[in-house]
Each structure stands twice: as C-alpha cells, then as structure tokens.
Amino acid sequence: MTVYLDHILWGTPDLSAGEKLFEQLSGVKPGKGGIHDGFGTRNSLLSMGEDLFFEIIAPDPAQNLNGNRGGRLAKLAGPGLTALSVRSDDLPAMEAAAKKLGLPVRGPIPGGRTRTDGVRLNWEILYFGEGQDADMIPFAIDWKGSPHPASTTPGGIGFKSVVALHPDSERLSAIYKALGIPVPVLRGDRAGFQAVLTSPRGDITLTTAA
C-alpha cells in the first residue's frame, strides 16, 4: 500500500475573495477549477509539481448547501486550511487498515467534475473517522485514470512542508502510520494543519482558521 500526499485544501466562505487574498499573498493567480455537484462546492487550483496541487475550495451558491461540505465552508469566519488529501490506487487496503484500527470508514464515494475545457474528471474517495478525527485524518482519493489536476493546472507556487497539529499527537501519529499517510504529526494546543508554500513573494505559511 503506497500512499502519497495529493492536495492541500484551503477553505474559504467566498471563492472570489479567497482567490484575491491568495494572489496578494503569493503573487500568483489561481486557475479556475470546477463545480462538485452534490457536495455544494466549487474550487480554484494551483499546481505545486507533477502530482501535487493546492486547492482553494468554497461554497457553490448555485447548489443546496444544507448538510454538506459547502454548507460547512459557508460558516467559516475566513480562509484557512481545512483538510489534506492523500492519493492511493489501493483504497481497499486503506479501508482494511482503518477498520483494523476501529476507525469508521465512509466510501468509496464516487465523485467528479467537468473542467472548463470540457474534460471530465472522475474519482473515488474514502473518508476516515468521525467528529474531529474526520477533520484531521486526510481523506484518500483514487483518480481512476483521470488526468491529475496538477498536470493541467497553472503553476507558480511550490510545496515546502505540511504538518498536522493535535493535542493527542501520539494517537493521531499512530493512525497516520497505520494508514501510510506521509505527513508528520506534532503536538499542538489545538487540532489543525500548518503548510509552508514557496511563491514569487517568498514563503507563505498557512494554518487552520481559529
């Protein structure tokens, strides 16, 4: 079971405002992504390399936001890191590892979106844990042969580091190790993530919103 960091999600209650803020911080304009039907979200993207990208994700005002990710993003006070995603072509192995730990698993859940050039992307996702665990355990994605967004998304920024922070870092680290998640876990006063990206305007440190 080989697992890779796939993308970093920076949530914002308003996509346009989030794009403008990130461009101010980095000097790089995000590229348009698409709409996630049924999830209440839409996004903009930036490549950080051949197989890693940065996602600005926000509510889609054209969709029903009740009880979905878009609805949760709409309640944010401002932009912040909301999740990490890892990539694997063996979701059943990750599911088995999670169940061995006693973690609840949702999925695999099919998803997809159509790019602005008309190309359809399809994927399957596994979500792990409940409550705060569900926020802090990266979800796993299998792109099912679709073109990886990092290969077709505008670049201009780079990846330096990402860590998970948690008051019970030993427990979360054990979960990451069992699932093969290649992200360090450090002790923090509250749960969240911290990422450092490179940009034309220097390093950018992003954190989970308070």
C-alpha atoms as a PDB file:
ATOM      1  CA  MET A   1       0.000   0.000   0.000  1.00  0.00           C
ATOM      2  CA  THR A   2       1.713   3.156  -1.239  1.00  0.00           C
ATOM      3  CA  VAL A   3       0.193   6.485  -0.247  1.00  0.00           C
ATOM      4  CA  TYR A   4       1.210   9.962  -1.454  1.00  0.00           C
ATOM      5  CA  LEU A   5       0.221  13.476  -0.471  1.00  0.00           C
ATOM      6  CA  ASP A   6      -2.167  14.578  -3.233  1.00  0.00           C
ATOM      7  CA  HIS A   7      -3.507  18.023  -2.416  1.00  0.00           C
ATOM      8  CA  ILE A   8      -3.898  20.634   0.302  1.00  0.00           C
ATOM      9  CA  LEU A   9      -7.318  22.219   0.806  1.00  0.00           C
ATOM     10  CA  TRP A  10      -7.607  25.875   1.808  1.00  0.00           C
ATOM     11  CA  GLY A  11     -11.238  26.595   2.608  1.00  0.00           C
ATOM     12  CA  THR A  12     -12.890  29.985   2.248  1.00  0.00           C
ATOM     13  CA  PRO A  13     -16.510  31.157   2.609  1.00  0.00           C
ATOM     14  CA  ASP A  14     -16.237  33.088  -0.670  1.00  0.00           C
ATOM     15  CA  LEU A  15     -14.234  31.804  -3.656  1.00  0.00           C
ATOM     16  CA  SER A  16     -13.556  35.170  -5.269  1.00  0.00           C
ATOM     17  CA  ALA A  17     -12.350  36.698  -2.004  1.00  0.00           C
ATOM     18  CA  GLY A  18     -10.169  33.662  -1.313  1.00  0.00           C
ATOM     19  CA  GLU A  19      -8.605  33.835  -4.775  1.00  0.00           C
ATOM     20  CA  LYS A  20      -7.813  37.534  -4.360  1.00  0.00           C
ATOM     21  CA  LEU A  21      -6.279  37.035  -0.929  1.00  0.00           C
ATOM     22  CA  PHE A  22      -4.092  34.165  -2.100  1.00  0.00           C
ATOM     23  CA  GLU A  23      -2.940  36.168  -5.109  1.00  0.00           C
ATOM     24  CA  GLN A  24      -2.000  39.041  -2.778  1.00  0.00           C
ATOM     25  CA  LEU A  25      -0.010  36.661  -0.571  1.00  0.00           C
ATOM     26  CA  SER A  26       1.745  34.777  -3.346  1.00  0.00           C
ATOM     27  CA  GLY A  27       1.785  36.973  -6.435  1.00  0.00           C
ATOM     28  CA  VAL A  28       0.227  34.063  -8.355  1.00  0.00           C
ATOM     29  CA  LYS A  29      -3.288  33.991  -9.774  1.00  0.00           C
ATOM     30  CA  PRO A  30      -5.130  30.691  -9.130  1.00  0.00           C
ATOM     31  CA  GLY A  31      -6.564  28.803 -12.088  1.00  0.00           C
ATOM     32  CA  LYS A  32     -10.254  28.050 -12.332  1.00  0.00           C
ATOM     33  CA  GLY A  33     -11.261  24.591 -11.238  1.00  0.00           C
ATOM     34  CA  GLY A  34     -14.873  23.500 -11.392  1.00  0.00           C
ATOM     35  CA  ILE A  35     -18.014  22.517  -9.511  1.00  0.00           C
ATOM     36  CA  HIS A  36     -18.548  19.484  -7.280  1.00  0.00           C
ATOM     37  CA  ASP A  37     -22.167  18.526  -7.860  1.00  0.00           C
ATOM     38  CA  GLY A  38     -23.892  17.335  -4.715  1.00  0.00           C
ATOM     39  CA  PHE A  39     -21.120  18.485  -2.398  1.00  0.00           C
ATOM     40  CA  GLY A  40     -22.082  22.171  -2.538  1.00  0.00           C
ATOM     41  CA  THR A  41     -18.591  23.300  -3.503  1.00  0.00           C
ATOM     42  CA  ARG A  42     -16.518  24.827  -6.283  1.00  0.00           C
ATOM     43  CA  ASN A  43     -12.786  25.443  -6.457  1.00  0.00           C
ATOM     44  CA  SER A  44      -9.704  27.071  -7.913  1.00  0.00           C
ATOM     45  CA  LEU A  45      -6.364  25.315  -8.217  1.00  0.00           C
ATOM     46  CA  LEU A  46      -2.613  25.789  -8.421  1.00  0.00           C
ATOM     47  CA  SER A  47      -0.064  23.097  -9.243  1.00  0.00           C
ATOM     48  CA  MET A  48       2.816  22.548  -6.837  1.00  0.00           C
ATOM     49  CA  GLY A  49       4.536  19.956  -9.004  1.00  0.00           C
ATOM     50  CA  GLU A  50       3.827  16.967 -11.189  1.00  0.00           C
ATOM     51  CA  ASP A  51       1.425  15.245  -8.802  1.00  0.00           C
ATOM     52  CA  LEU A  52       0.635  17.716  -6.006  1.00  0.00           C
ATOM     53  CA  PHE A  53      -1.726  20.678  -6.047  1.00  0.00           C
ATOM     54  CA  PHE A  54      -3.219  23.405  -3.885  1.00  0.00           C
ATOM     55  CA  GLU A  55      -7.000  23.725  -3.821  1.00  0.00           C
ATOM     56  CA  ILE A  56      -8.959  26.805  -2.833  1.00  0.00           C
ATOM     57  CA  ILE A  57     -12.384  25.383  -2.042  1.00  0.00           C
ATOM     58  CA  ALA A  58     -15.550  27.350  -1.311  1.00  0.00           C
ATOM     59  CA  PRO A  59     -19.333  27.042  -1.266  1.00  0.00           C
ATOM     60  CA  ASP A  60     -21.087  26.988  -4.629  1.00  0.00           C
ATOM     61  CA  PRO A  61     -24.003  29.437  -4.225  1.00  0.00           C
ATOM     62  CA  ALA A  62     -25.860  27.699  -7.059  1.00  0.00           C
ATOM     63  CA  GLN A  63     -26.193  24.488  -5.021  1.00  0.00           C
ATOM     64  CA  ASN A  64     -28.133  23.483  -1.926  1.00  0.00           C
ATOM     65  CA  LEU A  65     -25.707  23.862   0.997  1.00  0.00           C
ATOM     66  CA  ASN A  66     -27.685  22.032   3.661  1.00  0.00           C
ATOM     67  CA  GLY A  67     -25.647  19.368   5.444  1.00  0.00           C
ATOM     68  CA  ASN A  68     -22.705  19.212   3.037  1.00  0.00           C
ATOM     69  CA  ARG A  69     -19.117  20.472   2.739  1.00  0.00           C
ATOM     70  CA  GLY A  70     -20.249  23.653   1.031  1.00  0.00           C
ATOM     71  CA  GLY A  71     -22.502  24.463   3.958  1.00  0.00           C
ATOM     72  CA  ARG A  72     -19.659  23.962   6.420  1.00  0.00           C
ATOM     73  CA  LEU A  73     -17.353  26.191   4.383  1.00  0.00           C
ATOM     74  CA  ALA A  74     -20.006  28.905   4.265  1.00  0.00           C
ATOM     75  CA  LYS A  75     -19.829  29.115   8.074  1.00  0.00           C
ATOM     76  CA  LEU A  76     -16.083  29.819   8.169  1.00  0.00           C
ATOM     77  CA  ALA A  77     -15.103  33.216   9.538  1.00  0.00           C
ATOM     78  CA  GLY A  78     -12.317  33.422   6.960  1.00  0.00           C
ATOM     79  CA  PRO A  79      -9.876  31.362   4.889  1.00  0.00           C
ATOM     80  CA  GLY A  80      -7.826  28.570   6.452  1.00  0.00           C
ATOM     81  CA  LEU A  81      -6.552  25.049   5.898  1.00  0.00           C
ATOM     82  CA  THR A  82      -9.461  22.653   6.236  1.00  0.00           C
ATOM     83  CA  ALA A  83      -8.180  19.257   5.071  1.00  0.00           C
ATOM     84  CA  LEU A  84      -5.467  17.239   3.389  1.00  0.00           C
ATOM     85  CA  SER A  85      -5.898  14.579   0.735  1.00  0.00           C
ATOM     86  CA  VAL A  86      -3.691  11.589   0.021  1.00  0.00           C
ATOM     87  CA  ARG A  87      -3.631   9.502  -3.150  1.00  0.00           C
ATOM     88  CA  SER A  88      -3.667   5.727  -3.449  1.00  0.00           C
ATOM     89  CA  ASP A  89      -4.621   3.204  -6.117  1.00  0.00           C
ATOM     90  CA  ASP A  90      -5.447   0.673  -3.387  1.00  0.00           C
ATOM     91  CA  LEU A  91      -8.340   2.138  -1.431  1.00  0.00           C
ATOM     92  CA  PRO A  92      -9.453  -1.326  -0.238  1.00  0.00           C
ATOM     93  CA  ALA A  93      -6.110  -1.757   1.565  1.00  0.00           C
ATOM     94  CA  MET A  94      -6.517   1.617   3.267  1.00  0.00           C
ATOM     95  CA  GLU A  95     -10.073   0.723   4.212  1.00  0.00           C
ATOM     96  CA  ALA A  96      -8.905  -2.563   5.732  1.00  0.00           C
ATOM     97  CA  ALA A  97      -6.156  -0.797   7.702  1.00  0.00           C
ATOM     98  CA  ALA A  98      -8.643   1.749   9.046  1.00  0.00           C
ATOM     99  CA  LYS A  99     -11.132  -0.911  10.104  1.00  0.00           C
ATOM    100  CA  LYS A 100      -8.340  -2.816  11.857  1.00  0.00           C
ATOM    101  CA  LEU A 101      -7.826   0.323  13.967  1.00  0.00           C
ATOM    102  CA  GLY A 102     -11.548   0.531  14.650  1.00  0.00           C
ATOM    103  CA  LEU A 103     -11.948   3.719  12.624  1.00  0.00           C
ATOM    104  CA  PRO A 104     -15.281   4.327  10.899  1.00  0.00           C
ATOM    105  CA  VAL A 105     -14.942   4.499   7.102  1.00  0.00           C
ATOM    106  CA  ARG A 106     -17.224   6.180   4.560  1.00  0.00           C
ATOM    107  CA  GLY A 107     -16.892   5.166   0.955  1.00  0.00           C
ATOM    108  CA  PRO A 108     -15.553   4.640  -1.523  1.00  0.00           C
ATOM    109  CA  ILE A 109     -17.724   7.540  -2.672  1.00  0.00           C
ATOM    110  CA  PRO A 110     -17.680   8.326  -6.406  1.00  0.00           C
ATOM    111  CA  GLY A 111     -17.176  11.946  -7.410  1.00  0.00           C
ATOM    112  CA  GLY A 112     -16.277  14.048 -10.384  1.00  0.00           C
ATOM    113  CA  ARG A 113     -16.303  17.414 -12.058  1.00  0.00           C
ATOM    114  CA  THR A 114     -16.016  18.768 -15.575  1.00  0.00           C
ATOM    115  CA  ARG A 115     -13.071  21.061 -16.294  1.00  0.00           C
ATOM    116  CA  THR A 116     -13.562  24.362 -18.066  1.00  0.00           C
ATOM    117  CA  ASP A 117     -12.198  22.721 -21.245  1.00  0.00           C
ATOM    118  CA  GLY A 118     -14.910  20.071 -21.086  1.00  0.00           C
ATOM    119  CA  VAL A 119     -12.710  17.199 -19.852  1.00  0.00           C
ATOM    120  CA  ARG A 120     -14.438  15.067 -17.226  1.00  0.00           C
ATOM    121  CA  LEU A 121     -12.520  14.053 -14.083  1.00  0.00           C
ATOM    122  CA  ASN A 122     -13.751  11.081 -12.059  1.00  0.00           C
ATOM    123  CA  TRP A 123     -12.535   9.764  -8.730  1.00  0.00           C
ATOM    124  CA  GLU A 124     -13.371   7.713  -5.656  1.00  0.00           C
ATOM    125  CA  ILE A 125     -12.842   8.925  -2.093  1.00  0.00           C
ATOM    126  CA  LEU A 126     -12.556   7.279   1.315  1.00  0.00           C
ATOM    127  CA  TYR A 127     -13.234   9.288   4.471  1.00  0.00           C
ATOM    128  CA  PHE A 128     -11.940   8.111   7.845  1.00  0.00           C
ATOM    129  CA  GLY A 129     -13.113   8.688  11.400  1.00  0.00           C
ATOM    130  CA  GLU A 130     -15.901  10.688  12.970  1.00  0.00           C
ATOM    131  CA  GLY A 131     -16.108  14.137  14.573  1.00  0.00           C
ATOM    132  CA  GLN A 132     -12.729  15.831  14.911  1.00  0.00           C
ATOM    133  CA  ASP A 133     -10.994  12.683  13.635  1.00  0.00           C
ATOM    134  CA  ALA A 134     -12.791  13.134  10.334  1.00  0.00           C
ATOM    135  CA  ASP A 135     -11.326  16.640  10.029  1.00  0.00           C
ATOM    136  CA  MET A 136      -7.785  15.638  10.982  1.00  0.00           C
ATOM    137  CA  ILE A 137      -7.364  12.355   9.073  1.00  0.00           C
ATOM    138  CA  PRO A 138      -6.617  13.091   5.385  1.00  0.00           C
ATOM    139  CA  PHE A 139      -9.158  11.592   3.027  1.00  0.00           C
ATOM    140  CA  ALA A 140      -7.894   9.190   0.368  1.00  0.00           C
ATOM    141  CA  ILE A 141      -8.542   9.611  -3.347  1.00  0.00           C
ATOM    142  CA  ASP A 142      -8.137   7.337  -6.370  1.00  0.00           C
ATOM    143  CA  TRP A 143      -8.276   9.313  -9.620  1.00  0.00           C
ATOM    144  CA  LYS A 144      -9.416   6.234 -11.572  1.00  0.00           C
ATOM    145  CA  GLY A 145      -7.194   7.066 -14.534  1.00  0.00           C
ATOM    146  CA  SER A 146      -8.351  10.688 -14.865  1.00  0.00           C
ATOM    147  CA  PRO A 147      -5.699  13.301 -15.698  1.00  0.00           C
ATOM    148  CA  HIS A 148      -4.206  14.502 -12.438  1.00  0.00           C
ATOM    149  CA  PRO A 149      -5.139  18.160 -11.812  1.00  0.00           C
ATOM    150  CA  ALA A 150      -1.520  19.062 -11.045  1.00  0.00           C
ATOM    151  CA  SER A 151      -0.553  18.247 -14.629  1.00  0.00           C
ATOM    152  CA  THR A 152      -3.040  20.674 -16.201  1.00  0.00           C
ATOM    153  CA  THR A 153      -3.287  23.414 -13.555  1.00  0.00           C
ATOM    154  CA  PRO A 154      -1.320  26.692 -13.632  1.00  0.00           C
ATOM    155  CA  GLY A 155       1.842  26.664 -11.509  1.00  0.00           C
ATOM    156  CA  GLY A 156       3.897  29.376  -9.883  1.00  0.00           C
ATOM    157  CA  ILE A 157       3.975  28.113  -6.299  1.00  0.00           C
ATOM    158  CA  GLY A 158       5.858  25.252  -4.682  1.00  0.00           C
ATOM    159  CA  PHE A 159       5.494  22.924  -1.736  1.00  0.00           C
ATOM    160  CA  LYS A 160       7.848  23.140   1.225  1.00  0.00           C
ATOM    161  CA  SER A 161       6.187  21.331   4.131  1.00  0.00           C
ATOM    162  CA  VAL A 162       2.962  20.361   5.838  1.00  0.00           C
ATOM    163  CA  VAL A 163       2.318  19.075   9.349  1.00  0.00           C
ATOM    164  CA  ALA A 164      -0.707  18.043  11.359  1.00  0.00           C
ATOM    165  CA  LEU A 165      -1.053  19.516  14.858  1.00  0.00           C
ATOM    166  CA  HIS A 166      -3.046  17.850  17.633  1.00  0.00           C
ATOM    167  CA  PRO A 167      -3.171  17.781  21.463  1.00  0.00           C
ATOM    168  CA  ASP A 168      -3.065  13.946  21.301  1.00  0.00           C
ATOM    169  CA  SER A 169      -0.305  13.765  18.713  1.00  0.00           C
ATOM    170  CA  GLU A 170       0.780  10.228  19.630  1.00  0.00           C
ATOM    171  CA  ARG A 171      -2.638   8.770  18.872  1.00  0.00           C
ATOM    172  CA  LEU A 172      -3.017  10.678  15.598  1.00  0.00           C
ATOM    173  CA  SER A 173       0.524   9.787  14.549  1.00  0.00           C
ATOM    174  CA  ALA A 174      -0.241   6.094  15.096  1.00  0.00           C
ATOM    175  CA  ILE A 175      -3.301   6.409  12.843  1.00  0.00           C
ATOM    176  CA  TYR A 176      -1.276   8.142  10.124  1.00  0.00           C
ATOM    177  CA  LYS A 177       1.406   5.444  10.322  1.00  0.00           C
ATOM    178  CA  ALA A 178      -1.131   2.607  10.037  1.00  0.00           C
ATOM    179  CA  LEU A 179      -2.769   4.229   7.009  1.00  0.00           C
ATOM    180  CA  GLY A 180       0.560   5.078   5.362  1.00  0.00           C
ATOM    181  CA  ILE A 181      -0.121   8.830   5.426  1.00  0.00           C
ATOM    182  CA  PRO A 182       3.213  10.612   4.761  1.00  0.00           C
ATOM    183  CA  VAL A 183       2.575  13.692   6.945  1.00  0.00           C
ATOM    184  CA  PRO A 184       4.347  14.447  10.256  1.00  0.00           C
ATOM    185  CA  VAL A 185       2.173  14.899  13.339  1.00  0.00           C
ATOM    186  CA  LEU A 186       3.277  17.332  16.039  1.00  0.00           C
ATOM    187  CA  ARG A 187       1.739  18.243  19.356  1.00  0.00           C
ATOM    188  CA  GLY A 188      -0.320  21.419  19.288  1.00  0.00           C
ATOM    189  CA  ASP A 189      -2.682  23.168  21.669  1.00  0.00           C
ATOM    190  CA  ARG A 190      -5.499  22.701  19.140  1.00  0.00           C
ATOM    191  CA  ALA A 191      -6.095  20.424  16.187  1.00  0.00           C
ATOM    192  CA  GLY A 192      -5.245  21.731  12.747  1.00  0.00           C
ATOM    193  CA  PHE A 193      -2.718  21.865   9.940  1.00  0.00           C
ATOM    194  CA  GLN A 194       0.185  24.114   9.005  1.00  0.00           C
ATOM    195  CA  ALA A 195       1.629  24.287   5.492  1.00  0.00           C
ATOM    196  CA  VAL A 196       4.529  26.267   4.074  1.00  0.00           C
ATOM    197  CA  LEU A 197       4.462  27.039   0.345  1.00  0.00           C
ATOM    198  CA  THR A 198       7.009  28.835  -1.800  1.00  0.00           C
ATOM    199  CA  SER A 199       5.993  31.699  -4.066  1.00  0.00           C
ATOM    200  CA  PRO A 200       7.432  34.646  -6.001  1.00  0.00           C
ATOM    201  CA  ARG A 201       6.766  36.737  -2.875  1.00  0.00           C
ATOM    202  CA  GLY A 202       8.599  34.350  -0.559  1.00  0.00           C
ATOM    203  CA  ASP A 203       7.444  31.556   1.703  1.00  0.00           C
ATOM    204  CA  ILE A 204       3.788  31.544   2.736  1.00  0.00           C
ATOM    205  CA  THR A 205       2.709  29.902   5.987  1.00  0.00           C
ATOM    206  CA  LEU A 206      -0.926  28.835   6.054  1.00  0.00           C
ATOM    207  CA  THR A 207      -2.770  27.480   9.087  1.00  0.00           C
ATOM    208  CA  THR A 208      -6.182  26.186  10.055  1.00  0.00           C
ATOM    209  CA  ALA A 209      -8.507  29.086  10.833  1.00  0.00           C
ATOM    210  CA  ALA A 210      -9.192  29.686  14.518  1.00  0.00           C
END
